[in-house]
Amino acid sequence: MSERHAGPQAGGPSGGTGGARKDDDAGPWLWGLPPFARTAMWRAAPGHPRDGRPDLVWRVAAVFVAITLLWTAIGWTVRATVGPDYSLLSHGLSAVLTSLLVIPMVVLARRHLDRRPWSGLGLTRLSAGWRHLLLGMAVWLVPAGFGTAVCVALGWTEITTRASPPEVLASTALLAVLVLFYEAIPEELAFRGYLQRNLLTEMSPGGAVLVQAGLFCLFGSVVWAILGEQTVDVARSLILLAAGIVLGCIRVVSRNTWACVGFHLAFQVAAQILLTPAHGQFAVSDPLPLQLVAFGFLPFGLAVLLYQIFHPAPVNWRMPEPDRKP
């Protein structure tokens, strides 16, 4: 069944006669609580049918903790093996370990905790999702390219190439593969795929976006703090929160996790190849205008709107969407 038109079923935790939620069965004292808290309490009420799965809160908490521990352990392992400084070898090892550990963990969680079909996570076969992947890349690249051109034309920054065109292309292609398997696919599958889809079963899409964005922000801050890679401050936390919100909204309007992978991939490859001195392909005189205008405000502010323009479809922002049994 299409998730877009999925509605409450009678007899389930979100069901009732005519699609209405039977919160009154749990007692009038629950009426004043937020929908998520009210539903969670009602599910545990005596006499309510259960399907044998752990409650939503426990499933989300278990996967979030597992994600955080795995990324931290991978970071420690790579540092102990290769060293603390960035290199293509360390990036490659991180990509291999993350793909081999995080993706199977999500597969197991979906199979044994959720007991629901893989298709609900939105990471379809690439043959069905490549258009979403390319459109996700485009809604970041087009505004970011325009913003970069404006920054250079106005003299706010200067970009100098330090390598030949073939070397730049080869380096960018290699970096894209590493980003895809270290960051884009694992993070989008875990957060916009697994966590957001689970939250959506008992929350509105807007609420699910905000909660997973908060978890994404917490995840990044905790991993940074433990590994000591970067100083954790309010600015970095807000960037993570904003990224989580935009990516979550793209997941809602696209209904396909490949769109989030494409946006994440384009953003990270461009930011790393241009703004990370270790890659050595470009020199940027002042990175701040690029960070704020070209890579930040323009693509993050326009991405969801552009996606809806080029992929018009009905969007549900208000109603929870139960995760159907196979």
C-alpha atoms as a PDB file:
ATOM      1  CA  MET A   1       0.000   0.000   0.000  1.00  0.00           C
ATOM      2  CA  SER A   2       1.230   3.460  -0.755  1.00  0.00           C
ATOM      3  CA  GLU A   3       2.367   5.262   2.382  1.00  0.00           C
ATOM      4  CA  ARG A   4       1.056   8.567   1.030  1.00  0.00           C
ATOM      5  CA  HIS A   5      -2.544   7.473   1.314  1.00  0.00           C
ATOM      6  CA  ALA A   6      -2.147   5.203   4.317  1.00  0.00           C
ATOM      7  CA  GLY A   7      -4.665   6.004   6.972  1.00  0.00           C
ATOM      8  CA  PRO A   8      -5.608   4.701  10.379  1.00  0.00           C
ATOM      9  CA  GLN A   9      -7.087   1.227  10.598  1.00  0.00           C
ATOM     10  CA  ALA A  10      -9.814   0.200  12.939  1.00  0.00           C
ATOM     11  CA  GLY A  11      -8.626  -1.787  15.892  1.00  0.00           C
ATOM     12  CA  GLY A  12      -5.026  -0.487  15.778  1.00  0.00           C
ATOM     13  CA  PRO A  13      -3.378   2.097  17.999  1.00  0.00           C
ATOM     14  CA  SER A  14      -4.167   4.821  15.476  1.00  0.00           C
ATOM     15  CA  GLY A  15      -7.443   3.355  14.354  1.00  0.00           C
ATOM     16  CA  GLY A  16     -11.060   3.801  15.151  1.00  0.00           C
ATOM     17  CA  THR A  17     -14.411   4.160  13.566  1.00  0.00           C
ATOM     18  CA  GLY A  18     -14.252   6.361  10.489  1.00  0.00           C
ATOM     19  CA  GLY A  19     -10.491   6.870  10.938  1.00  0.00           C
ATOM     20  CA  ALA A  20     -10.894   8.672  14.305  1.00  0.00           C
ATOM     21  CA  ARG A  21      -8.500   7.924  17.123  1.00  0.00           C
ATOM     22  CA  LYS A  22     -10.248   6.234  20.070  1.00  0.00           C
ATOM     23  CA  ASP A  23      -8.435   8.112  22.768  1.00  0.00           C
ATOM     24  CA  ASP A  24     -11.595   8.221  24.831  1.00  0.00           C
ATOM     25  CA  ASP A  25     -11.237   4.462  25.405  1.00  0.00           C
ATOM     26  CA  ALA A  26      -8.123   5.210  27.470  1.00  0.00           C
ATOM     27  CA  GLY A  27      -9.886   7.663  29.743  1.00  0.00           C
ATOM     28  CA  PRO A  28     -10.667  11.397  29.684  1.00  0.00           C
ATOM     29  CA  TRP A  29      -7.529  12.171  31.687  1.00  0.00           C
ATOM     30  CA  LEU A  30      -5.443  11.605  28.509  1.00  0.00           C
ATOM     31  CA  TRP A  31      -7.250  14.164  26.370  1.00  0.00           C
ATOM     32  CA  GLY A  32      -5.085  17.106  27.442  1.00  0.00           C
ATOM     33  CA  LEU A  33      -1.764  15.392  26.598  1.00  0.00           C
ATOM     34  CA  PRO A  34       0.131  15.882  23.313  1.00  0.00           C
ATOM     35  CA  PRO A  35      -0.863  13.307  20.661  1.00  0.00           C
ATOM     36  CA  PHE A  36       2.457  11.417  20.860  1.00  0.00           C
ATOM     37  CA  ALA A  37       2.345  11.050  24.659  1.00  0.00           C
ATOM     38  CA  ARG A  38      -1.390  10.278  24.582  1.00  0.00           C
ATOM     39  CA  THR A  39      -0.960   7.558  21.962  1.00  0.00           C
ATOM     40  CA  ALA A  40       2.064   6.015  23.680  1.00  0.00           C
ATOM     41  CA  MET A  41       0.197   5.798  26.997  1.00  0.00           C
ATOM     42  CA  TRP A  42      -2.929   4.489  25.349  1.00  0.00           C
ATOM     43  CA  ARG A  43      -1.023   1.710  23.635  1.00  0.00           C
ATOM     44  CA  ALA A  44       0.082   0.450  27.022  1.00  0.00           C
ATOM     45  CA  ALA A  45      -3.410   0.699  28.528  1.00  0.00           C
ATOM     46  CA  PRO A  46      -4.967  -2.555  29.780  1.00  0.00           C
ATOM     47  CA  GLY A  47      -6.900  -4.418  27.122  1.00  0.00           C
ATOM     48  CA  HIS A  48      -5.226  -2.684  24.162  1.00  0.00           C
ATOM     49  CA  PRO A  49      -4.114  -5.234  21.505  1.00  0.00           C
ATOM     50  CA  ARG A  50      -0.333  -5.449  21.062  1.00  0.00           C
ATOM     51  CA  ASP A  51       1.688  -6.974  18.249  1.00  0.00           C
ATOM     52  CA  GLY A  52       4.576  -8.164  20.380  1.00  0.00           C
ATOM     53  CA  ARG A  53       7.012  -5.446  19.238  1.00  0.00           C
ATOM     54  CA  PRO A  54       8.897  -3.167  21.640  1.00  0.00           C
ATOM     55  CA  ASP A  55       7.206   0.208  22.065  1.00  0.00           C
ATOM     56  CA  LEU A  56       8.168   3.025  19.736  1.00  0.00           C
ATOM     57  CA  VAL A  57      10.252   4.847  22.349  1.00  0.00           C
ATOM     58  CA  TRP A  58      12.364   1.754  23.011  1.00  0.00           C
ATOM     59  CA  ARG A  59      12.889   1.018  19.315  1.00  0.00           C
ATOM     60  CA  VAL A  60      13.970   4.579  18.579  1.00  0.00           C
ATOM     61  CA  ALA A  61      16.210   4.726  21.673  1.00  0.00           C
ATOM     62  CA  ALA A  62      17.860   1.375  20.921  1.00  0.00           C
ATOM     63  CA  VAL A  63      18.716   2.272  17.328  1.00  0.00           C
ATOM     64  CA  PHE A  64      19.858   5.796  18.237  1.00  0.00           C
ATOM     65  CA  VAL A  65      22.228   4.466  20.922  1.00  0.00           C
ATOM     66  CA  ALA A  66      23.509   1.778  18.548  1.00  0.00           C
ATOM     67  CA  ILE A  67      24.181   4.366  15.829  1.00  0.00           C
ATOM     68  CA  THR A  68      26.066   6.629  18.226  1.00  0.00           C
ATOM     69  CA  LEU A  69      28.157   3.805  19.678  1.00  0.00           C
ATOM     70  CA  LEU A  70      29.002   2.377  16.254  1.00  0.00           C
ATOM     71  CA  TRP A  71      30.148   5.713  14.800  1.00  0.00           C
ATOM     72  CA  THR A  72      32.225   6.392  17.905  1.00  0.00           C
ATOM     73  CA  ALA A  73      33.801   2.925  17.834  1.00  0.00           C
ATOM     74  CA  ILE A  74      34.574   3.306  14.127  1.00  0.00           C
ATOM     75  CA  GLY A  75      36.237   6.657  14.804  1.00  0.00           C
ATOM     76  CA  TRP A  76      38.400   5.171  17.548  1.00  0.00           C
ATOM     77  CA  THR A  77      39.328   2.169  15.393  1.00  0.00           C
ATOM     78  CA  VAL A  78      40.377   4.313  12.437  1.00  0.00           C
ATOM     79  CA  ARG A  79      42.455   6.592  14.666  1.00  0.00           C
ATOM     80  CA  ALA A  80      44.195   3.655  16.299  1.00  0.00           C
ATOM     81  CA  THR A  81      44.871   2.012  12.933  1.00  0.00           C
ATOM     82  CA  VAL A  82      45.722   4.898  10.614  1.00  0.00           C
ATOM     83  CA  GLY A  83      46.308   7.870  12.905  1.00  0.00           C
ATOM     84  CA  PRO A  84      44.353  10.988  13.928  1.00  0.00           C
ATOM     85  CA  ASP A  85      45.069  13.079  10.830  1.00  0.00           C
ATOM     86  CA  TYR A  86      42.789  13.031   7.785  1.00  0.00           C
ATOM     87  CA  SER A  87      43.871  10.974   4.787  1.00  0.00           C
ATOM     88  CA  LEU A  88      42.153   9.155   1.948  1.00  0.00           C
ATOM     89  CA  LEU A  89      43.121   5.906   3.686  1.00  0.00           C
ATOM     90  CA  SER A  90      41.382   6.923   6.913  1.00  0.00           C
ATOM     91  CA  HIS A  91      38.326   8.126   4.985  1.00  0.00           C
ATOM     92  CA  GLY A  92      38.220   4.889   3.008  1.00  0.00           C
ATOM     93  CA  LEU A  93      38.541   2.709   6.109  1.00  0.00           C
ATOM     94  CA  SER A  94      35.784   4.710   7.796  1.00  0.00           C
ATOM     95  CA  ALA A  95      33.539   4.221   4.758  1.00  0.00           C
ATOM     96  CA  VAL A  96      34.108   0.462   4.695  1.00  0.00           C
ATOM     97  CA  LEU A  97      33.539  -0.017   8.428  1.00  0.00           C
ATOM     98  CA  THR A  98      30.473   2.228   8.529  1.00  0.00           C
ATOM     99  CA  SER A  99      28.809   0.506   5.589  1.00  0.00           C
ATOM    100  CA  LEU A 100      29.605  -2.950   6.966  1.00  0.00           C
ATOM    101  CA  LEU A 101      28.314  -2.175  10.479  1.00  0.00           C
ATOM    102  CA  VAL A 102      25.621   0.512  10.334  1.00  0.00           C
ATOM    103  CA  ILE A 103      23.636  -0.682   7.321  1.00  0.00           C
ATOM    104  CA  PRO A 104      23.305  -4.302   8.578  1.00  0.00           C
ATOM    105  CA  MET A 105      22.360  -2.935  12.017  1.00  0.00           C
ATOM    106  CA  VAL A 106      19.462  -1.008  10.479  1.00  0.00           C
ATOM    107  CA  VAL A 107      18.460  -4.103   8.482  1.00  0.00           C
ATOM    108  CA  LEU A 108      18.359  -6.181  11.673  1.00  0.00           C
ATOM    109  CA  ALA A 109      16.446  -3.488  13.572  1.00  0.00           C
ATOM    110  CA  ARG A 110      13.846  -3.264  10.812  1.00  0.00           C
ATOM    111  CA  ARG A 111      13.462  -7.034  10.697  1.00  0.00           C
ATOM    112  CA  HIS A 112      13.487  -7.875  14.407  1.00  0.00           C
ATOM    113  CA  LEU A 113      12.376  -4.702  16.213  1.00  0.00           C
ATOM    114  CA  ASP A 114       9.931  -3.194  13.712  1.00  0.00           C
ATOM    115  CA  ARG A 115       8.907  -6.440  11.995  1.00  0.00           C
ATOM    116  CA  ARG A 116       7.864  -4.404   8.985  1.00  0.00           C
ATOM    117  CA  PRO A 117       8.906  -4.418   5.292  1.00  0.00           C
ATOM    118  CA  TRP A 118      12.164  -2.771   4.244  1.00  0.00           C
ATOM    119  CA  SER A 119      10.256  -0.691   1.695  1.00  0.00           C
ATOM    120  CA  GLY A 120       8.865   1.478   4.492  1.00  0.00           C
ATOM    121  CA  LEU A 121      12.297   3.055   5.031  1.00  0.00           C
ATOM    122  CA  GLY A 122      12.218   4.621   1.571  1.00  0.00           C
ATOM    123  CA  LEU A 123      15.606   3.322   0.379  1.00  0.00           C
ATOM    124  CA  THR A 124      14.281   1.624  -2.723  1.00  0.00           C
ATOM    125  CA  ARG A 125      16.329  -0.110  -5.371  1.00  0.00           C
ATOM    126  CA  LEU A 126      18.480   2.404  -7.193  1.00  0.00           C
ATOM    127  CA  SER A 127      16.677   1.588 -10.434  1.00  0.00           C
ATOM    128  CA  ALA A 128      13.532   3.043  -8.838  1.00  0.00           C
ATOM    129  CA  GLY A 129      15.223   5.801  -6.857  1.00  0.00           C
ATOM    130  CA  TRP A 130      17.850   7.283  -9.172  1.00  0.00           C
ATOM    131  CA  ARG A 131      15.603  10.189 -10.202  1.00  0.00           C
ATOM    132  CA  HIS A 132      15.143  11.128  -6.560  1.00  0.00           C
ATOM    133  CA  LEU A 133      18.907  10.817  -6.027  1.00  0.00           C
ATOM    134  CA  LEU A 134      19.686  13.186  -8.908  1.00  0.00           C
ATOM    135  CA  LEU A 135      16.949  15.656  -7.954  1.00  0.00           C
ATOM    136  CA  GLY A 136      18.195  15.669  -4.359  1.00  0.00           C
ATOM    137  CA  MET A 137      21.661  16.545  -5.655  1.00  0.00           C
ATOM    138  CA  ALA A 138      20.266  19.215  -7.981  1.00  0.00           C
ATOM    139  CA  VAL A 139      18.278  21.082  -5.334  1.00  0.00           C
ATOM    140  CA  TRP A 140      21.526  21.624  -3.457  1.00  0.00           C
ATOM    141  CA  LEU A 141      23.900  22.139  -6.394  1.00  0.00           C
ATOM    142  CA  VAL A 142      21.861  24.713  -8.330  1.00  0.00           C
ATOM    143  CA  PRO A 143      21.372  27.251  -5.499  1.00  0.00           C
ATOM    144  CA  ALA A 144      24.880  26.558  -4.168  1.00  0.00           C
ATOM    145  CA  GLY A 145      26.425  27.089  -7.606  1.00  0.00           C
ATOM    146  CA  PHE A 146      24.533  30.338  -8.030  1.00  0.00           C
ATOM    147  CA  GLY A 147      25.577  31.470  -4.543  1.00  0.00           C
ATOM    148  CA  THR A 148      29.216  30.589  -5.216  1.00  0.00           C
ATOM    149  CA  ALA A 149      29.175  32.599  -8.456  1.00  0.00           C
ATOM    150  CA  VAL A 150      27.690  35.594  -6.614  1.00  0.00           C
ATOM    151  CA  CYS A 151      30.280  35.407  -3.826  1.00  0.00           C
ATOM    152  CA  VAL A 152      33.144  35.324  -6.339  1.00  0.00           C
ATOM    153  CA  ALA A 153      31.654  38.008  -8.605  1.00  0.00           C
ATOM    154  CA  LEU A 154      31.159  40.415  -5.688  1.00  0.00           C
ATOM    155  CA  GLY A 155      34.701  39.851  -4.468  1.00  0.00           C
ATOM    156  CA  TRP A 156      33.622  38.302  -1.167  1.00  0.00           C
ATOM    157  CA  THR A 157      35.953  35.358  -1.742  1.00  0.00           C
ATOM    158  CA  GLU A 158      38.403  33.999  -4.301  1.00  0.00           C
ATOM    159  CA  ILE A 159      38.734  30.365  -5.373  1.00  0.00           C
ATOM    160  CA  THR A 160      42.037  29.191  -6.857  1.00  0.00           C
ATOM    161  CA  THR A 161      42.564  25.779  -8.462  1.00  0.00           C
ATOM    162  CA  ARG A 162      45.732  23.994  -7.380  1.00  0.00           C
ATOM    163  CA  ALA A 163      45.426  20.934  -9.605  1.00  0.00           C
ATOM    164  CA  SER A 164      44.802  20.110 -13.250  1.00  0.00           C
ATOM    165  CA  PRO A 165      41.210  19.443 -14.400  1.00  0.00           C
ATOM    166  CA  PRO A 166      41.760  15.647 -14.690  1.00  0.00           C
ATOM    167  CA  GLU A 167      43.183  15.579 -11.156  1.00  0.00           C
ATOM    168  CA  VAL A 168      40.242  17.598  -9.825  1.00  0.00           C
ATOM    169  CA  LEU A 169      37.740  15.278 -11.518  1.00  0.00           C
ATOM    170  CA  ALA A 170      39.472  12.145 -10.248  1.00  0.00           C
ATOM    171  CA  SER A 171      39.731  13.501  -6.717  1.00  0.00           C
ATOM    172  CA  THR A 172      36.079  14.593  -6.715  1.00  0.00           C
ATOM    173  CA  ALA A 173      34.894  11.212  -8.015  1.00  0.00           C
ATOM    174  CA  LEU A 174      36.871   9.340  -5.357  1.00  0.00           C
ATOM    175  CA  LEU A 175      35.634  11.668  -2.631  1.00  0.00           C
ATOM    176  CA  ALA A 176      32.044  11.173  -3.809  1.00  0.00           C
ATOM    177  CA  VAL A 177      32.360   7.402  -3.379  1.00  0.00           C
ATOM    178  CA  LEU A 178      33.828   7.798   0.112  1.00  0.00           C
ATOM    179  CA  VAL A 179      31.167  10.297   1.202  1.00  0.00           C
ATOM    180  CA  LEU A 180      28.425   8.101  -0.226  1.00  0.00           C
ATOM    181  CA  PHE A 181      29.400   5.058   1.843  1.00  0.00           C
ATOM    182  CA  TYR A 182      30.682   6.803   4.984  1.00  0.00           C
ATOM    183  CA  GLU A 183      28.115   9.568   5.429  1.00  0.00           C
ATOM    184  CA  ALA A 184      25.315   9.878   2.882  1.00  0.00           C
ATOM    185  CA  ILE A 185      23.823   6.373   2.745  1.00  0.00           C
ATOM    186  CA  PRO A 186      24.422   5.258   6.370  1.00  0.00           C
ATOM    187  CA  GLU A 187      23.287   8.525   7.969  1.00  0.00           C
ATOM    188  CA  GLU A 188      20.240   8.983   5.741  1.00  0.00           C
ATOM    189  CA  LEU A 189      19.181   5.364   6.140  1.00  0.00           C
ATOM    190  CA  ALA A 190      19.523   5.587   9.921  1.00  0.00           C
ATOM    191  CA  PHE A 191      17.964   9.006  10.547  1.00  0.00           C
ATOM    192  CA  ARG A 192      15.629   9.929   7.677  1.00  0.00           C
ATOM    193  CA  GLY A 193      14.956   6.286   6.892  1.00  0.00           C
ATOM    194  CA  TYR A 194      14.645   4.310  10.119  1.00  0.00           C
ATOM    195  CA  LEU A 195      14.146   6.872  12.881  1.00  0.00           C
ATOM    196  CA  GLN A 196      11.898   9.293  10.996  1.00  0.00           C
ATOM    197  CA  ARG A 197       9.751   6.474   9.600  1.00  0.00           C
ATOM    198  CA  ASN A 198       9.230   5.020  13.072  1.00  0.00           C
ATOM    199  CA  LEU A 199       8.397   8.415  14.580  1.00  0.00           C
ATOM    200  CA  LEU A 200       5.937   9.018  11.752  1.00  0.00           C
ATOM    201  CA  THR A 201       3.800   6.082  12.891  1.00  0.00           C
ATOM    202  CA  GLU A 202       2.581   8.039  15.919  1.00  0.00           C
ATOM    203  CA  MET A 203       3.474  11.651  15.143  1.00  0.00           C
ATOM    204  CA  SER A 204       2.627  14.130  12.427  1.00  0.00           C
ATOM    205  CA  PRO A 205       5.266  14.331   9.676  1.00  0.00           C
ATOM    206  CA  GLY A 206       6.264  17.789  10.899  1.00  0.00           C
ATOM    207  CA  GLY A 207       6.709  16.511  14.441  1.00  0.00           C
ATOM    208  CA  ALA A 208       8.682  13.486  13.227  1.00  0.00           C
ATOM    209  CA  VAL A 209      10.995  15.787  11.266  1.00  0.00           C
ATOM    210  CA  LEU A 210      11.702  17.936  14.323  1.00  0.00           C
ATOM    211  CA  VAL A 211      12.339  14.992  16.653  1.00  0.00           C
ATOM    212  CA  GLN A 212      14.695  13.197  14.249  1.00  0.00           C
ATOM    213  CA  ALA A 213      16.494  16.501  13.593  1.00  0.00           C
ATOM    214  CA  GLY A 214      17.003  16.879  17.336  1.00  0.00           C
ATOM    215  CA  LEU A 215      18.361  13.328  17.504  1.00  0.00           C
ATOM    216  CA  PHE A 216      20.633  14.033  14.528  1.00  0.00           C
ATOM    217  CA  CYS A 217      21.973  17.139  16.265  1.00  0.00           C
ATOM    218  CA  LEU A 218      22.520  15.196  19.501  1.00  0.00           C
ATOM    219  CA  PHE A 219      24.234  12.369  17.626  1.00  0.00           C
ATOM    220  CA  GLY A 220      26.712  14.658  15.879  1.00  0.00           C
ATOM    221  CA  SER A 221      27.450  16.633  19.027  1.00  0.00           C
ATOM    222  CA  VAL A 222      28.042  13.495  21.114  1.00  0.00           C
ATOM    223  CA  VAL A 223      30.314  11.862  18.528  1.00  0.00           C
ATOM    224  CA  TRP A 224      32.297  15.095  18.072  1.00  0.00           C
ATOM    225  CA  ALA A 225      32.633  15.501  21.836  1.00  0.00           C
ATOM    226  CA  ILE A 226      33.775  11.920  22.437  1.00  0.00           C
ATOM    227  CA  LEU A 227      36.231  11.803  19.551  1.00  0.00           C
ATOM    228  CA  GLY A 228      37.370  15.384  20.101  1.00  0.00           C
ATOM    229  CA  GLU A 229      37.463  16.000  16.339  1.00  0.00           C
ATOM    230  CA  GLN A 230      35.827  19.425  16.512  1.00  0.00           C
ATOM    231  CA  THR A 231      34.797  21.836  19.213  1.00  0.00           C
ATOM    232  CA  VAL A 232      31.124  21.380  20.027  1.00  0.00           C
ATOM    233  CA  ASP A 233      29.485  24.799  20.194  1.00  0.00           C
ATOM    234  CA  VAL A 234      26.085  26.341  19.595  1.00  0.00           C
ATOM    235  CA  ALA A 235      26.866  27.244  15.970  1.00  0.00           C
ATOM    236  CA  ARG A 236      27.821  23.689  15.002  1.00  0.00           C
ATOM    237  CA  SER A 237      24.820  22.263  16.825  1.00  0.00           C
ATOM    238  CA  LEU A 238      22.483  24.669  15.011  1.00  0.00           C
ATOM    239  CA  ILE A 239      24.003  23.661  11.659  1.00  0.00           C
ATOM    240  CA  LEU A 240      23.322  20.011  12.450  1.00  0.00           C
ATOM    241  CA  LEU A 241      19.793  20.835  13.551  1.00  0.00           C
ATOM    242  CA  ALA A 242      19.101  22.836  10.382  1.00  0.00           C
ATOM    243  CA  ALA A 243      20.521  20.053   8.200  1.00  0.00           C
ATOM    244  CA  GLY A 244      18.355  17.490   9.979  1.00  0.00           C
ATOM    245  CA  ILE A 245      15.230  19.612   9.449  1.00  0.00           C
ATOM    246  CA  VAL A 246      15.882  20.233   5.741  1.00  0.00           C
ATOM    247  CA  LEU A 247      16.764  16.596   5.059  1.00  0.00           C
ATOM    248  CA  GLY A 248      13.721  15.456   7.024  1.00  0.00           C
ATOM    249  CA  CYS A 249      11.465  17.751   4.993  1.00  0.00           C
ATOM    250  CA  ILE A 250      12.964  16.420   1.760  1.00  0.00           C
ATOM    251  CA  ARG A 251      12.119  12.912   2.995  1.00  0.00           C
ATOM    252  CA  VAL A 252       8.497  14.010   3.548  1.00  0.00           C
ATOM    253  CA  VAL A 253       7.999  15.677   0.155  1.00  0.00           C
ATOM    254  CA  SER A 254       9.899  13.035  -1.833  1.00  0.00           C
ATOM    255  CA  ARG A 255       8.806   9.955   0.117  1.00  0.00           C
ATOM    256  CA  ASN A 256      12.126   8.447  -0.932  1.00  0.00           C
ATOM    257  CA  THR A 257      15.342   8.331   1.102  1.00  0.00           C
ATOM    258  CA  TRP A 258      17.486   8.483  -2.049  1.00  0.00           C
ATOM    259  CA  ALA A 259      16.532  12.164  -2.365  1.00  0.00           C
ATOM    260  CA  CYS A 260      18.092  12.808   1.056  1.00  0.00           C
ATOM    261  CA  VAL A 261      21.168  10.795   0.044  1.00  0.00           C
ATOM    262  CA  GLY A 262      21.571  12.971  -3.058  1.00  0.00           C
ATOM    263  CA  PHE A 263      21.286  16.244  -1.133  1.00  0.00           C
ATOM    264  CA  HIS A 264      23.693  14.995   1.559  1.00  0.00           C
ATOM    265  CA  LEU A 265      26.158  13.732  -1.048  1.00  0.00           C
ATOM    266  CA  ALA A 266      26.260  16.982  -3.036  1.00  0.00           C
ATOM    267  CA  PHE A 267      26.616  19.141   0.071  1.00  0.00           C
ATOM    268  CA  GLN A 268      29.408  17.109   1.663  1.00  0.00           C
ATOM    269  CA  VAL A 269      31.457  16.566  -1.482  1.00  0.00           C
ATOM    270  CA  ALA A 270      31.393  20.260  -2.392  1.00  0.00           C
ATOM    271  CA  ALA A 271      32.131  21.393   1.157  1.00  0.00           C
ATOM    272  CA  GLN A 272      34.975  18.931   1.633  1.00  0.00           C
ATOM    273  CA  ILE A 273      36.652  19.413  -1.754  1.00  0.00           C
ATOM    274  CA  LEU A 274      36.531  23.215  -1.510  1.00  0.00           C
ATOM    275  CA  LEU A 275      36.815  23.965   2.194  1.00  0.00           C
ATOM    276  CA  THR A 276      39.027  21.168   3.559  1.00  0.00           C
ATOM    277  CA  PRO A 277      42.707  22.063   3.052  1.00  0.00           C
ATOM    278  CA  ALA A 278      43.749  18.400   3.344  1.00  0.00           C
ATOM    279  CA  HIS A 279      42.345  17.673  -0.127  1.00  0.00           C
ATOM    280  CA  GLY A 280      44.561  20.330  -1.683  1.00  0.00           C
ATOM    281  CA  GLN A 281      42.583  20.764  -4.905  1.00  0.00           C
ATOM    282  CA  PHE A 282      41.405  24.316  -4.231  1.00  0.00           C
ATOM    283  CA  ALA A 283      42.392  27.327  -2.161  1.00  0.00           C
ATOM    284  CA  VAL A 284      39.629  29.619  -0.860  1.00  0.00           C
ATOM    285  CA  SER A 285      40.699  33.055   0.345  1.00  0.00           C
ATOM    286  CA  ASP A 286      37.742  33.509   2.705  1.00  0.00           C
ATOM    287  CA  PRO A 287      35.514  30.466   3.287  1.00  0.00           C
ATOM    288  CA  LEU A 288      32.931  32.271   5.439  1.00  0.00           C
ATOM    289  CA  PRO A 289      30.826  33.723   2.551  1.00  0.00           C
ATOM    290  CA  LEU A 290      30.690  30.305   0.945  1.00  0.00           C
ATOM    291  CA  GLN A 291      29.718  28.643   4.209  1.00  0.00           C
ATOM    292  CA  LEU A 292      26.990  31.137   5.033  1.00  0.00           C
ATOM    293  CA  VAL A 293      25.550  32.155   1.654  1.00  0.00           C
ATOM    294  CA  ALA A 294      26.465  29.647  -1.054  1.00  0.00           C
ATOM    295  CA  PHE A 295      26.487  26.423   0.985  1.00  0.00           C
ATOM    296  CA  GLY A 296      24.071  27.485   3.724  1.00  0.00           C
ATOM    297  CA  PHE A 297      21.246  29.992   3.346  1.00  0.00           C
ATOM    298  CA  LEU A 298      20.508  29.536  -0.369  1.00  0.00           C
ATOM    299  CA  PRO A 299      20.419  25.730  -0.779  1.00  0.00           C
ATOM    300  CA  PHE A 300      19.038  25.024   2.696  1.00  0.00           C
ATOM    301  CA  GLY A 301      16.374  27.680   2.298  1.00  0.00           C
ATOM    302  CA  LEU A 302      15.285  26.704  -1.222  1.00  0.00           C
ATOM    303  CA  ALA A 303      15.787  22.923  -1.354  1.00  0.00           C
ATOM    304  CA  VAL A 304      12.336  21.796  -0.223  1.00  0.00           C
ATOM    305  CA  LEU A 305      10.547  24.363  -2.396  1.00  0.00           C
ATOM    306  CA  LEU A 306      12.615  23.419  -5.457  1.00  0.00           C
ATOM    307  CA  TYR A 307      11.965  19.736  -4.865  1.00  0.00           C
ATOM    308  CA  GLN A 308       8.227  20.308  -4.772  1.00  0.00           C
ATOM    309  CA  ILE A 309       8.375  22.422  -7.944  1.00  0.00           C
ATOM    310  CA  PHE A 310      10.192  19.738  -9.930  1.00  0.00           C
ATOM    311  CA  HIS A 311       8.442  16.796  -8.254  1.00  0.00           C
ATOM    312  CA  PRO A 312       4.883  17.992  -7.587  1.00  0.00           C
ATOM    313  CA  ALA A 313       2.864  15.561  -5.497  1.00  0.00           C
ATOM    314  CA  PRO A 314       0.411  15.687  -2.586  1.00  0.00           C
ATOM    315  CA  VAL A 315       2.233  16.055   0.739  1.00  0.00           C
ATOM    316  CA  ASN A 316       0.968  15.016   4.142  1.00  0.00           C
ATOM    317  CA  TRP A 317       2.258  17.304   6.893  1.00  0.00           C
ATOM    318  CA  ARG A 318      -0.371  16.619   9.566  1.00  0.00           C
ATOM    319  CA  MET A 319      -1.446  12.994   9.959  1.00  0.00           C
ATOM    320  CA  PRO A 320       0.616  10.105  11.352  1.00  0.00           C
ATOM    321  CA  GLU A 321       1.137   7.224   8.940  1.00  0.00           C
ATOM    322  CA  PRO A 322       0.939   3.752  10.489  1.00  0.00           C
ATOM    323  CA  ASP A 323       3.598   1.298   9.383  1.00  0.00           C
ATOM    324  CA  ARG A 324       1.648  -1.492   7.727  1.00  0.00           C
ATOM    325  CA  LYS A 325       2.298  -5.169   8.273  1.00  0.00           C
ATOM    326  CA  PRO A 326       3.434  -7.084   5.173  1.00  0.00           C
END
